[in-house]
Amino acid sequence: MTPLRVYAIDGIVPVVDPTAYVHPSAVLIGDVIVGPGCYVGPCASLRGDFGRLILEAGANLQDTCVMHGFPGTDTVVEENGHIGHGAVLHGCRIGKNALVGMNAVIMDNAIIGESSIVAASAFVKASQEVPPRSLVAGVPAKVIRPLSDQEMGWKADGTRTYQELTRRCLATMVETTPLTAIEANRKRIEMPDVVPLTQLKNPGRQE
């Protein structure tokens, strides 16, 4: 597999736990700490060239996400945090078991409370504090309502899927050369336990 794109700066070297998976196209610079069982997706940028960046155990940071922060700050995704595609985290703290949706932006000194969900494309202002187990949405983001037990279950299932992806990547992902034609009876990836959220919300709906 292609070597990781990991860079020291000012003598500070990123740390990646052996049980974490970091895609080779992701970039880790300087004061970055990736904890046990974490997943870092393709083209994610973790720039620890100013402040410290921390992914705690079981967290995921998906494709094209950005983490950065000012000097003297920690940008943290706590245990089982779930950061969707394209999100930007700058000098903030994402609480344990919280979810940040796709393309959301979380600004400096903001705190996302434990088990909260930030909706896709939301903008959480600097120093905003989101209470635990809240749904937050909008530009600027506002607390919409508390989260239900069912929604908490959906979130937990999604995070477990990414934790399993970490293990799948470590076990089976290899760099390869593309085929030049589609083979007969082409195999599909089978994940019967993973169901789109839209289908869970509307069980009778046909996609």
N, C-alpha and C. Protein backbone atom coordinates (compact mmCIF):
# COMPACT_ATOMS: atom_id res chain seq x y z
N MET A 1 0.84 -1.20 0.00
CA MET A 1 0.00 0.00 0.00
C MET A 1 0.88 1.24 0.00
N THR A 2 0.40 2.30 -0.66
CA THR A 2 1.13 3.55 -0.71
C THR A 2 1.41 4.08 0.70
N PRO A 3 2.62 4.57 0.95
CA PRO A 3 2.92 5.12 2.28
C PRO A 3 1.99 6.29 2.63
N LEU A 4 1.72 6.47 3.91
CA LEU A 4 0.89 7.57 4.36
C LEU A 4 1.57 8.90 4.08
N ARG A 5 0.76 9.93 3.87
CA ARG A 5 1.27 11.30 3.65
C ARG A 5 1.31 11.99 5.01
N VAL A 6 2.37 11.72 5.73
CA VAL A 6 2.53 12.18 7.10
C VAL A 6 3.79 13.05 7.17
N TYR A 7 3.65 14.24 7.76
CA TYR A 7 4.75 15.21 7.78
C TYR A 7 4.98 15.74 9.18
N ALA A 8 6.24 15.78 9.58
CA ALA A 8 6.63 16.45 10.82
C ALA A 8 6.83 17.94 10.53
N ILE A 9 6.59 18.77 11.54
CA ILE A 9 6.90 20.20 11.44
C ILE A 9 7.39 20.67 12.81
N ASP A 10 8.43 21.46 12.81
CA ASP A 10 9.06 21.91 14.06
C ASP A 10 9.40 20.73 14.96
N GLY A 11 9.73 19.61 14.36
CA GLY A 11 10.12 18.43 15.12
C GLY A 11 8.96 17.66 15.73
N ILE A 12 7.70 18.04 15.43
CA ILE A 12 6.52 17.36 15.98
C ILE A 12 5.97 16.41 14.92
N VAL A 13 5.84 15.14 15.30
CA VAL A 13 5.45 14.08 14.37
C VAL A 13 4.04 13.59 14.70
N PRO A 14 3.17 13.42 13.70
CA PRO A 14 1.85 12.86 13.95
C PRO A 14 1.93 11.48 14.59
N VAL A 15 0.88 11.14 15.34
CA VAL A 15 0.78 9.84 16.01
C VAL A 15 -0.47 9.13 15.49
N VAL A 16 -0.31 7.90 15.02
CA VAL A 16 -1.44 7.11 14.53
C VAL A 16 -1.42 5.76 15.23
N ASP A 17 -2.47 5.46 15.97
CA ASP A 17 -2.56 4.16 16.65
C ASP A 17 -2.58 3.04 15.61
N PRO A 18 -1.92 1.92 15.89
CA PRO A 18 -1.87 0.82 14.92
C PRO A 18 -3.24 0.25 14.55
N THR A 19 -4.25 0.45 15.39
CA THR A 19 -5.58 -0.07 15.08
C THR A 19 -6.44 0.93 14.32
N ALA A 20 -5.90 2.11 14.03
CA ALA A 20 -6.62 3.11 13.22
C ALA A 20 -6.33 2.86 11.75
N TYR A 21 -7.23 3.36 10.90
CA TYR A 21 -6.99 3.33 9.46
C TYR A 21 -6.98 4.75 8.93
N VAL A 22 -5.89 5.13 8.27
CA VAL A 22 -5.76 6.44 7.63
C VAL A 22 -5.53 6.19 6.15
N HIS A 23 -6.42 6.69 5.30
CA HIS A 23 -6.25 6.48 3.86
C HIS A 23 -4.97 7.15 3.37
N PRO A 24 -4.26 6.53 2.44
CA PRO A 24 -2.99 7.10 1.98
C PRO A 24 -3.09 8.48 1.35
N SER A 25 -4.28 8.88 0.87
CA SER A 25 -4.42 10.21 0.27
C SER A 25 -4.71 11.29 1.31
N ALA A 26 -5.02 10.89 2.55
CA ALA A 26 -5.18 11.88 3.62
C ALA A 26 -3.82 12.49 3.96
N VAL A 27 -3.83 13.71 4.50
CA VAL A 27 -2.58 14.39 4.86
C VAL A 27 -2.60 14.72 6.35
N LEU A 28 -1.57 14.27 7.06
CA LEU A 28 -1.40 14.54 8.49
C LEU A 28 -0.13 15.35 8.67
N ILE A 29 -0.25 16.52 9.31
CA ILE A 29 0.90 17.41 9.49
C ILE A 29 1.05 17.75 10.96
N GLY A 30 2.20 17.45 11.53
CA GLY A 30 2.57 17.97 12.84
C GLY A 30 1.82 17.37 14.01
N ASP A 31 1.18 18.22 14.81
CA ASP A 31 0.61 17.83 16.09
C ASP A 31 -0.77 17.21 15.91
N VAL A 32 -0.77 15.99 15.38
CA VAL A 32 -2.00 15.24 15.10
C VAL A 32 -1.93 13.93 15.88
N ILE A 33 -3.02 13.59 16.56
CA ILE A 33 -3.08 12.35 17.32
C ILE A 33 -4.33 11.60 16.90
N VAL A 34 -4.15 10.43 16.28
CA VAL A 34 -5.26 9.60 15.81
C VAL A 34 -5.32 8.38 16.71
N GLY A 35 -6.43 8.23 17.44
CA GLY A 35 -6.54 7.21 18.47
C GLY A 35 -6.95 5.84 17.96
N PRO A 36 -7.14 4.90 18.87
CA PRO A 36 -7.47 3.53 18.52
C PRO A 36 -8.78 3.41 17.75
N GLY A 37 -8.77 2.57 16.72
CA GLY A 37 -9.99 2.25 15.99
C GLY A 37 -10.56 3.38 15.17
N CYS A 38 -9.82 4.46 14.97
CA CYS A 38 -10.32 5.60 14.19
C CYS A 38 -10.24 5.32 12.70
N TYR A 39 -11.09 6.05 11.95
CA TYR A 39 -11.07 6.00 10.49
C TYR A 39 -10.86 7.42 9.97
N VAL A 40 -9.88 7.58 9.08
CA VAL A 40 -9.64 8.86 8.41
C VAL A 40 -9.74 8.60 6.91
N GLY A 41 -10.70 9.26 6.26
CA GLY A 41 -11.04 8.95 4.88
C GLY A 41 -10.15 9.61 3.85
N PRO A 42 -10.37 9.25 2.56
CA PRO A 42 -9.57 9.80 1.47
C PRO A 42 -9.62 11.32 1.43
N CYS A 43 -8.45 11.92 1.20
CA CYS A 43 -8.29 13.36 0.98
C CYS A 43 -8.66 14.21 2.20
N ALA A 44 -8.75 13.61 3.38
CA ALA A 44 -8.92 14.42 4.59
C ALA A 44 -7.63 15.17 4.87
N SER A 45 -7.76 16.37 5.45
CA SER A 45 -6.59 17.19 5.77
C SER A 45 -6.59 17.51 7.26
N LEU A 46 -5.58 17.00 7.96
CA LEU A 46 -5.42 17.26 9.39
C LEU A 46 -4.14 18.06 9.56
N ARG A 47 -4.30 19.39 9.63
CA ARG A 47 -3.15 20.30 9.65
C ARG A 47 -2.83 20.72 11.07
N GLY A 48 -1.98 19.94 11.71
CA GLY A 48 -1.54 20.29 13.05
C GLY A 48 -0.29 21.14 13.03
N ASP A 49 -0.29 22.15 12.15
CA ASP A 49 0.87 23.04 12.03
C ASP A 49 0.71 24.30 12.89
N PHE A 50 -0.47 24.51 13.48
CA PHE A 50 -0.70 25.58 14.43
C PHE A 50 -1.09 24.97 15.78
N GLY A 51 -2.33 24.45 15.89
CA GLY A 51 -2.80 23.84 17.13
C GLY A 51 -2.82 22.33 17.04
N ARG A 52 -3.16 21.69 18.17
CA ARG A 52 -3.20 20.22 18.26
C ARG A 52 -4.54 19.70 17.78
N LEU A 53 -4.51 18.58 17.05
CA LEU A 53 -5.70 17.92 16.53
C LEU A 53 -5.77 16.52 17.12
N ILE A 54 -6.94 16.15 17.66
CA ILE A 54 -7.08 14.87 18.34
C ILE A 54 -8.34 14.16 17.87
N LEU A 55 -8.17 12.92 17.43
CA LEU A 55 -9.30 12.02 17.20
C LEU A 55 -9.24 10.96 18.28
N GLU A 56 -10.25 10.90 19.15
CA GLU A 56 -10.26 9.92 20.22
C GLU A 56 -10.81 8.58 19.71
N ALA A 57 -10.74 7.58 20.55
CA ALA A 57 -11.03 6.18 20.16
C ALA A 57 -12.36 6.04 19.43
N GLY A 58 -12.32 5.33 18.29
CA GLY A 58 -13.54 4.99 17.56
C GLY A 58 -14.14 6.11 16.73
N ALA A 59 -13.48 7.27 16.67
CA ALA A 59 -14.01 8.39 15.89
C ALA A 59 -13.73 8.18 14.41
N ASN A 60 -14.55 8.82 13.57
CA ASN A 60 -14.25 8.81 12.13
C ASN A 60 -14.28 10.22 11.58
N LEU A 61 -13.40 10.46 10.61
CA LEU A 61 -13.27 11.73 9.91
C LEU A 61 -13.28 11.37 8.43
N GLN A 62 -14.38 11.68 7.75
CA GLN A 62 -14.60 11.11 6.42
C GLN A 62 -13.94 11.93 5.31
N ASP A 63 -14.20 11.52 4.06
CA ASP A 63 -13.55 12.08 2.88
C ASP A 63 -13.59 13.60 2.86
N THR A 64 -12.50 14.21 2.52
CA THR A 64 -12.30 15.65 2.29
C THR A 64 -12.58 16.53 3.51
N CYS A 65 -12.70 15.94 4.69
CA CYS A 65 -12.85 16.77 5.90
C CYS A 65 -11.57 17.54 6.17
N VAL A 66 -11.72 18.66 6.87
CA VAL A 66 -10.57 19.49 7.27
C VAL A 66 -10.61 19.70 8.77
N MET A 67 -9.46 19.49 9.42
CA MET A 67 -9.28 19.86 10.83
C MET A 67 -8.10 20.81 10.92
N HIS A 68 -8.30 21.92 11.66
CA HIS A 68 -7.25 22.91 11.85
C HIS A 68 -7.62 23.73 13.07
N GLY A 69 -6.67 24.47 13.61
CA GLY A 69 -6.96 25.33 14.75
C GLY A 69 -5.82 26.31 14.99
N PHE A 70 -6.10 27.34 15.78
CA PHE A 70 -5.10 28.36 16.08
C PHE A 70 -4.05 27.83 17.07
N PRO A 71 -2.88 28.48 17.14
CA PRO A 71 -1.87 28.07 18.11
C PRO A 71 -2.43 28.07 19.54
N GLY A 72 -2.02 27.06 20.31
CA GLY A 72 -2.46 26.96 21.69
C GLY A 72 -3.81 26.32 21.88
N THR A 73 -4.46 25.92 20.79
CA THR A 73 -5.79 25.31 20.89
C THR A 73 -5.73 23.82 20.59
N ASP A 74 -6.74 23.10 21.07
CA ASP A 74 -6.95 21.70 20.70
C ASP A 74 -8.26 21.61 19.91
N THR A 75 -8.20 20.99 18.75
CA THR A 75 -9.39 20.66 17.99
C THR A 75 -9.62 19.17 18.20
N VAL A 76 -10.76 18.83 18.80
CA VAL A 76 -10.95 17.47 19.32
C VAL A 76 -12.25 16.86 18.82
N VAL A 77 -12.15 15.61 18.38
CA VAL A 77 -13.33 14.79 18.16
C VAL A 77 -13.27 13.70 19.22
N GLU A 78 -14.20 13.74 20.16
CA GLU A 78 -14.16 12.80 21.27
C GLU A 78 -14.60 11.40 20.83
N GLU A 79 -14.52 10.48 21.76
CA GLU A 79 -14.78 9.06 21.50
C GLU A 79 -16.08 8.85 20.73
N ASN A 80 -15.99 8.04 19.68
CA ASN A 80 -17.14 7.68 18.83
C ASN A 80 -17.76 8.87 18.11
N GLY A 81 -17.01 9.97 18.00
CA GLY A 81 -17.48 11.09 17.18
C GLY A 81 -17.52 10.69 15.71
N HIS A 82 -18.42 11.33 14.97
CA HIS A 82 -18.72 10.91 13.60
C HIS A 82 -18.78 12.18 12.74
N ILE A 83 -17.80 12.35 11.86
CA ILE A 83 -17.67 13.59 11.08
C ILE A 83 -17.89 13.28 9.61
N GLY A 84 -19.01 13.77 9.06
CA GLY A 84 -19.43 13.44 7.71
C GLY A 84 -18.60 14.10 6.63
N HIS A 85 -18.75 13.59 5.42
CA HIS A 85 -17.98 14.02 4.25
C HIS A 85 -17.93 15.55 4.12
N GLY A 86 -16.73 16.06 3.97
CA GLY A 86 -16.55 17.47 3.65
C GLY A 86 -16.72 18.45 4.79
N ALA A 87 -16.89 17.99 6.01
CA ALA A 87 -17.06 18.91 7.14
C ALA A 87 -15.74 19.60 7.47
N VAL A 88 -15.85 20.79 8.07
CA VAL A 88 -14.69 21.58 8.49
C VAL A 88 -14.77 21.81 10.00
N LEU A 89 -13.72 21.42 10.71
CA LEU A 89 -13.64 21.62 12.16
C LEU A 89 -12.46 22.54 12.43
N HIS A 90 -12.72 23.70 13.06
CA HIS A 90 -11.63 24.66 13.29
C HIS A 90 -11.63 25.09 14.76
N GLY A 91 -10.67 24.56 15.52
CA GLY A 91 -10.50 24.99 16.90
C GLY A 91 -11.69 24.70 17.79
N CYS A 92 -12.40 23.62 17.53
CA CYS A 92 -13.64 23.31 18.24
C CYS A 92 -13.52 21.97 18.96
N ARG A 93 -14.57 21.62 19.70
CA ARG A 93 -14.63 20.33 20.37
C ARG A 93 -15.95 19.65 20.02
N ILE A 94 -15.83 18.43 19.51
CA ILE A 94 -17.00 17.62 19.17
C ILE A 94 -17.14 16.57 20.26
N GLY A 95 -18.25 16.60 21.00
CA GLY A 95 -18.42 15.74 22.16
C GLY A 95 -18.53 14.27 21.83
N LYS A 96 -18.41 13.47 22.86
CA LYS A 96 -18.50 12.02 22.74
C LYS A 96 -19.81 11.63 22.05
N ASN A 97 -19.69 10.75 21.04
CA ASN A 97 -20.85 10.17 20.36
C ASN A 97 -21.65 11.20 19.56
N ALA A 98 -21.09 12.38 19.31
CA ALA A 98 -21.79 13.38 18.50
C ALA A 98 -21.54 13.14 17.01
N LEU A 99 -22.41 13.71 16.19
CA LEU A 99 -22.30 13.58 14.73
C LEU A 99 -22.33 14.96 14.10
N VAL A 100 -21.41 15.19 13.18
CA VAL A 100 -21.39 16.42 12.38
C VAL A 100 -21.68 16.02 10.94
N GLY A 101 -22.75 16.57 10.37
CA GLY A 101 -23.20 16.17 9.05
C GLY A 101 -22.31 16.68 7.93
N MET A 102 -22.59 16.18 6.74
CA MET A 102 -21.80 16.52 5.56
C MET A 102 -21.76 18.02 5.30
N ASN A 103 -20.54 18.52 5.03
CA ASN A 103 -20.30 19.92 4.66
C ASN A 103 -20.66 20.93 5.75
N ALA A 104 -20.87 20.48 6.97
CA ALA A 104 -21.07 21.42 8.08
C ALA A 104 -19.74 22.08 8.44
N VAL A 105 -19.83 23.26 9.05
CA VAL A 105 -18.65 24.01 9.50
C VAL A 105 -18.81 24.33 10.98
N ILE A 106 -17.81 23.93 11.77
CA ILE A 106 -17.83 24.19 13.21
C ILE A 106 -16.66 25.11 13.52
N MET A 107 -16.94 26.30 14.05
CA MET A 107 -15.92 27.34 14.20
C MET A 107 -15.23 27.29 15.57
N ASP A 108 -14.27 28.20 15.74
CA ASP A 108 -13.38 28.22 16.91
C ASP A 108 -14.15 28.34 18.22
N ASN A 109 -13.68 27.53 19.18
CA ASN A 109 -14.21 27.52 20.56
C ASN A 109 -15.65 27.03 20.66
N ALA A 110 -16.23 26.59 19.55
CA ALA A 110 -17.56 25.98 19.63
C ALA A 110 -17.45 24.62 20.31
N ILE A 111 -18.51 24.25 21.01
CA ILE A 111 -18.56 22.95 21.68
C ILE A 111 -19.87 22.26 21.28
N ILE A 112 -19.74 21.10 20.69
CA ILE A 112 -20.90 20.30 20.33
C ILE A 112 -21.09 19.27 21.43
N GLY A 113 -22.21 19.33 22.13
CA GLY A 113 -22.43 18.49 23.30
C GLY A 113 -22.51 17.01 22.97
N GLU A 114 -22.29 16.21 24.00
CA GLU A 114 -22.31 14.76 23.84
C GLU A 114 -23.62 14.29 23.19
N SER A 115 -23.47 13.39 22.22
CA SER A 115 -24.61 12.73 21.55
C SER A 115 -25.52 13.70 20.80
N SER A 116 -24.97 14.86 20.40
CA SER A 116 -25.74 15.79 19.57
C SER A 116 -25.49 15.50 18.09
N ILE A 117 -26.38 16.03 17.24
CA ILE A 117 -26.24 15.90 15.79
C ILE A 117 -26.31 17.29 15.17
N VAL A 118 -25.29 17.61 14.38
CA VAL A 118 -25.26 18.84 13.59
C VAL A 118 -25.66 18.48 12.17
N ALA A 119 -26.70 19.09 11.67
CA ALA A 119 -27.23 18.74 10.35
C ALA A 119 -26.25 19.09 9.24
N ALA A 120 -26.41 18.43 8.10
CA ALA A 120 -25.59 18.71 6.94
C ALA A 120 -25.67 20.19 6.57
N SER A 121 -24.51 20.75 6.20
CA SER A 121 -24.37 22.14 5.73
C SER A 121 -24.68 23.19 6.79
N ALA A 122 -24.78 22.80 8.05
CA ALA A 122 -25.00 23.79 9.12
C ALA A 122 -23.71 24.58 9.36
N PHE A 123 -23.88 25.80 9.91
CA PHE A 123 -22.74 26.64 10.28
C PHE A 123 -22.85 26.97 11.76
N VAL A 124 -21.96 26.37 12.56
CA VAL A 124 -21.95 26.60 14.00
C VAL A 124 -20.95 27.71 14.29
N LYS A 125 -21.44 28.83 14.83
CA LYS A 125 -20.63 30.03 15.03
C LYS A 125 -19.56 29.81 16.10
N ALA A 126 -18.55 30.67 16.07
CA ALA A 126 -17.49 30.65 17.08
C ALA A 126 -18.08 30.79 18.47
N SER A 127 -17.58 29.99 19.40
CA SER A 127 -17.95 30.00 20.82
C SER A 127 -19.37 29.53 21.10
N GLN A 128 -20.09 29.07 20.10
CA GLN A 128 -21.44 28.53 20.34
C GLN A 128 -21.34 27.22 21.09
N GLU A 129 -22.23 27.02 22.05
CA GLU A 129 -22.27 25.77 22.80
C GLU A 129 -23.60 25.07 22.54
N VAL A 130 -23.51 23.86 22.06
CA VAL A 130 -24.70 23.07 21.74
C VAL A 130 -24.94 22.10 22.89
N PRO A 131 -26.14 22.11 23.48
CA PRO A 131 -26.41 21.20 24.61
C PRO A 131 -26.32 19.74 24.18
N PRO A 132 -26.08 18.84 25.13
CA PRO A 132 -26.06 17.42 24.81
C PRO A 132 -27.37 16.97 24.19
N ARG A 133 -27.25 15.96 23.33
CA ARG A 133 -28.38 15.26 22.72
C ARG A 133 -29.37 16.22 22.05
N SER A 134 -28.82 17.15 21.27
CA SER A 134 -29.64 18.13 20.55
C SER A 134 -29.44 17.99 19.05
N LEU A 135 -30.49 18.33 18.30
CA LEU A 135 -30.38 18.46 16.86
C LEU A 135 -30.17 19.93 16.54
N VAL A 136 -29.12 20.22 15.76
CA VAL A 136 -28.76 21.59 15.41
C VAL A 136 -28.73 21.71 13.89
N ALA A 137 -29.32 22.78 13.36
CA ALA A 137 -29.36 22.94 11.91
C ALA A 137 -29.42 24.43 11.56
N GLY A 138 -29.03 24.73 10.32
CA GLY A 138 -29.20 26.09 9.80
C GLY A 138 -27.92 26.87 9.69
N VAL A 139 -28.06 28.07 9.07
CA VAL A 139 -26.95 29.00 8.87
C VAL A 139 -27.42 30.39 9.31
N PRO A 140 -27.01 30.86 10.52
CA PRO A 140 -26.21 30.13 11.51
C PRO A 140 -27.04 29.02 12.17
N ALA A 141 -26.34 28.06 12.77
CA ALA A 141 -27.01 26.90 13.35
C ALA A 141 -27.78 27.28 14.60
N LYS A 142 -28.95 26.67 14.76
CA LYS A 142 -29.78 26.83 15.96
C LYS A 142 -30.23 25.46 16.44
N VAL A 143 -30.45 25.37 17.73
CA VAL A 143 -30.96 24.12 18.30
C VAL A 143 -32.41 23.96 17.87
N ILE A 144 -32.72 22.84 17.25
CA ILE A 144 -34.06 22.59 16.74
C ILE A 144 -34.93 21.88 17.79
N ARG A 145 -34.36 20.82 18.38
CA ARG A 145 -35.12 20.03 19.35
C ARG A 145 -34.20 18.98 19.96
N PRO A 146 -34.65 18.31 21.02
CA PRO A 146 -33.90 17.16 21.54
C PRO A 146 -33.97 15.99 20.56
N LEU A 147 -33.02 15.08 20.66
CA LEU A 147 -33.00 13.90 19.82
C LEU A 147 -33.75 12.75 20.48
N SER A 148 -34.39 11.94 19.67
CA SER A 148 -35.14 10.79 20.18
C SER A 148 -34.21 9.59 20.39
N ASP A 149 -34.68 8.62 21.13
CA ASP A 149 -33.93 7.38 21.30
C ASP A 149 -33.69 6.70 19.95
N GLN A 150 -34.69 6.76 19.08
CA GLN A 150 -34.54 6.14 17.76
C GLN A 150 -33.42 6.81 16.96
N GLU A 151 -33.38 8.14 17.00
CA GLU A 151 -32.32 8.85 16.28
C GLU A 151 -30.95 8.55 16.86
N MET A 152 -30.87 8.42 18.18
CA MET A 152 -29.61 8.05 18.81
C MET A 152 -29.17 6.65 18.36
N GLY A 153 -30.14 5.77 18.18
CA GLY A 153 -29.84 4.43 17.70
C GLY A 153 -29.30 4.46 16.27
N TRP A 154 -29.93 5.29 15.41
CA TRP A 154 -29.44 5.42 14.04
C TRP A 154 -28.00 5.93 14.01
N LYS A 155 -27.72 6.93 14.85
CA LYS A 155 -26.36 7.47 14.89
C LYS A 155 -25.36 6.40 15.32
N ALA A 156 -25.68 5.67 16.37
CA ALA A 156 -24.78 4.64 16.88
C ALA A 156 -24.52 3.57 15.82
N ASP A 157 -25.56 3.19 15.09
CA ASP A 157 -25.40 2.20 14.03
C ASP A 157 -24.46 2.71 12.94
N GLY A 158 -24.62 3.99 12.56
CA GLY A 158 -23.77 4.57 11.53
C GLY A 158 -22.30 4.60 11.94
N THR A 159 -22.07 4.94 13.19
CA THR A 159 -20.69 4.99 13.68
C THR A 159 -20.08 3.59 13.75
N ARG A 160 -20.87 2.62 14.17
CA ARG A 160 -20.38 1.23 14.18
C ARG A 160 -20.03 0.77 12.77
N THR A 161 -20.78 1.23 11.77
CA THR A 161 -20.47 0.87 10.39
C THR A 161 -19.09 1.39 10.00
N TYR A 162 -18.76 2.61 10.41
CA TYR A 162 -17.43 3.15 10.10
C TYR A 162 -16.33 2.48 10.90
N GLN A 163 -16.64 2.04 12.10
CA GLN A 163 -15.64 1.29 12.87
C GLN A 163 -15.36 -0.05 12.22
N GLU A 164 -16.41 -0.66 11.66
CA GLU A 164 -16.21 -1.89 10.90
C GLU A 164 -15.44 -1.61 9.62
N LEU A 165 -15.71 -0.46 8.98
CA LEU A 165 -14.96 -0.08 7.78
C LEU A 165 -13.47 0.04 8.10
N THR A 166 -13.13 0.58 9.25
CA THR A 166 -11.73 0.65 9.67
C THR A 166 -11.10 -0.74 9.62
N ARG A 167 -11.80 -1.71 10.19
CA ARG A 167 -11.26 -3.07 10.23
C ARG A 167 -11.20 -3.69 8.82
N ARG A 168 -12.24 -3.40 7.98
CA ARG A 168 -12.22 -3.90 6.60
C ARG A 168 -11.05 -3.34 5.82
N CYS A 169 -10.80 -2.04 5.98
CA CYS A 169 -9.71 -1.40 5.26
C CYS A 169 -8.36 -1.97 5.68
N LEU A 170 -8.17 -2.12 6.98
CA LEU A 170 -6.90 -2.68 7.46
C LEU A 170 -6.70 -4.11 6.95
N ALA A 171 -7.80 -4.86 6.82
CA ALA A 171 -7.69 -6.27 6.45
C ALA A 171 -7.63 -6.51 4.95
N THR A 172 -8.34 -5.67 4.14
CA THR A 172 -8.51 -6.05 2.73
C THR A 172 -8.17 -4.96 1.72
N MET A 173 -8.04 -3.70 2.11
CA MET A 173 -7.80 -2.67 1.10
C MET A 173 -6.35 -2.72 0.62
N VAL A 174 -6.18 -2.79 -0.70
CA VAL A 174 -4.85 -2.81 -1.30
C VAL A 174 -4.85 -1.91 -2.53
N GLU A 175 -3.72 -1.32 -2.82
CA GLU A 175 -3.58 -0.55 -4.05
C GLU A 175 -3.55 -1.51 -5.22
N THR A 176 -4.21 -1.15 -6.32
CA THR A 176 -4.31 -2.09 -7.43
C THR A 176 -4.37 -1.32 -8.75
N THR A 177 -4.51 -2.06 -9.83
CA THR A 177 -4.65 -1.50 -11.17
C THR A 177 -6.07 -1.75 -11.65
N PRO A 178 -6.73 -0.76 -12.28
CA PRO A 178 -8.11 -0.99 -12.70
C PRO A 178 -8.20 -2.01 -13.83
N LEU A 179 -9.35 -2.70 -13.87
CA LEU A 179 -9.64 -3.56 -15.00
C LEU A 179 -9.95 -2.70 -16.23
N THR A 180 -9.84 -3.28 -17.39
CA THR A 180 -10.15 -2.54 -18.62
C THR A 180 -11.55 -2.83 -19.14
N ALA A 181 -12.22 -3.80 -18.53
CA ALA A 181 -13.59 -4.13 -18.93
C ALA A 181 -14.32 -4.71 -17.72
N ILE A 182 -15.65 -4.61 -17.76
CA ILE A 182 -16.46 -5.15 -16.67
C ILE A 182 -16.53 -6.66 -16.83
N GLU A 183 -16.16 -7.38 -15.77
CA GLU A 183 -16.19 -8.83 -15.84
C GLU A 183 -17.64 -9.34 -15.76
N ALA A 184 -17.88 -10.52 -16.31
CA ALA A 184 -19.20 -11.14 -16.24
C ALA A 184 -19.55 -11.44 -14.78
N ASN A 185 -20.83 -11.26 -14.45
CA ASN A 185 -21.30 -11.54 -13.09
C ASN A 185 -20.48 -10.80 -12.03
N ARG A 186 -20.25 -9.52 -12.29
CA ARG A 186 -19.42 -8.72 -11.39
C ARG A 186 -19.97 -8.74 -9.97
N LYS A 187 -19.11 -9.03 -9.03
CA LYS A 187 -19.48 -9.11 -7.62
C LYS A 187 -19.86 -7.73 -7.09
N ARG A 188 -20.83 -7.69 -6.18
CA ARG A 188 -21.18 -6.47 -5.45
C ARG A 188 -20.69 -6.57 -4.01
N ILE A 189 -20.46 -5.40 -3.39
CA ILE A 189 -20.17 -5.39 -1.96
C ILE A 189 -21.47 -5.67 -1.23
N GLU A 190 -21.45 -6.63 -0.34
CA GLU A 190 -22.66 -7.05 0.37
C GLU A 190 -22.59 -6.57 1.82
N MET A 191 -23.55 -5.71 2.18
CA MET A 191 -23.66 -5.20 3.54
C MET A 191 -25.13 -5.17 3.93
N PRO A 192 -25.72 -6.32 4.17
CA PRO A 192 -27.17 -6.38 4.40
C PRO A 192 -27.65 -5.62 5.62
N ASP A 193 -26.77 -5.39 6.58
CA ASP A 193 -27.17 -4.69 7.80
C ASP A 193 -27.12 -3.17 7.66
N VAL A 194 -26.59 -2.65 6.55
CA VAL A 194 -26.48 -1.21 6.36
C VAL A 194 -27.61 -0.75 5.45
N VAL A 195 -28.51 0.08 6.02
CA VAL A 195 -29.70 0.53 5.31
C VAL A 195 -29.68 2.05 5.25
N PRO A 196 -30.01 2.67 4.10
CA PRO A 196 -30.04 4.14 4.02
C PRO A 196 -30.97 4.74 5.06
N LEU A 197 -30.56 5.88 5.64
CA LEU A 197 -31.37 6.53 6.67
C LEU A 197 -32.75 6.90 6.16
N THR A 198 -32.85 7.30 4.89
CA THR A 198 -34.16 7.65 4.32
C THR A 198 -35.11 6.45 4.38
N GLN A 199 -34.56 5.27 4.19
CA GLN A 199 -35.39 4.06 4.25
C GLN A 199 -35.79 3.73 5.68
N LEU A 200 -34.90 3.98 6.63
CA LEU A 200 -35.24 3.76 8.03
C LEU A 200 -36.34 4.71 8.49
N LYS A 201 -36.28 5.96 8.03
CA LYS A 201 -37.28 6.94 8.41
C LYS A 201 -38.63 6.67 7.75
N ASN A 202 -38.60 6.07 6.54
CA ASN A 202 -39.82 5.80 5.78
C ASN A 202 -39.80 4.34 5.34
N PRO A 203 -40.10 3.41 6.25
CA PRO A 203 -39.93 1.98 5.96
C PRO A 203 -40.71 1.49 4.73
N GLY A 204 -41.83 2.15 4.42
CA GLY A 204 -42.63 1.69 3.30
C GLY A 204 -42.20 2.27 1.96
N ARG A 205 -41.25 3.18 2.00
CA ARG A 205 -40.85 3.87 0.78
C ARG A 205 -39.95 2.99 -0.08
N GLN A 206 -40.19 2.99 -1.38
CA GLN A 206 -39.34 2.27 -2.32
C GLN A 206 -38.37 3.24 -2.95
N GLU A 207 -37.08 2.95 -2.82
CA GLU A 207 -36.06 3.84 -3.40
C GLU A 207 -35.98 3.62 -4.91
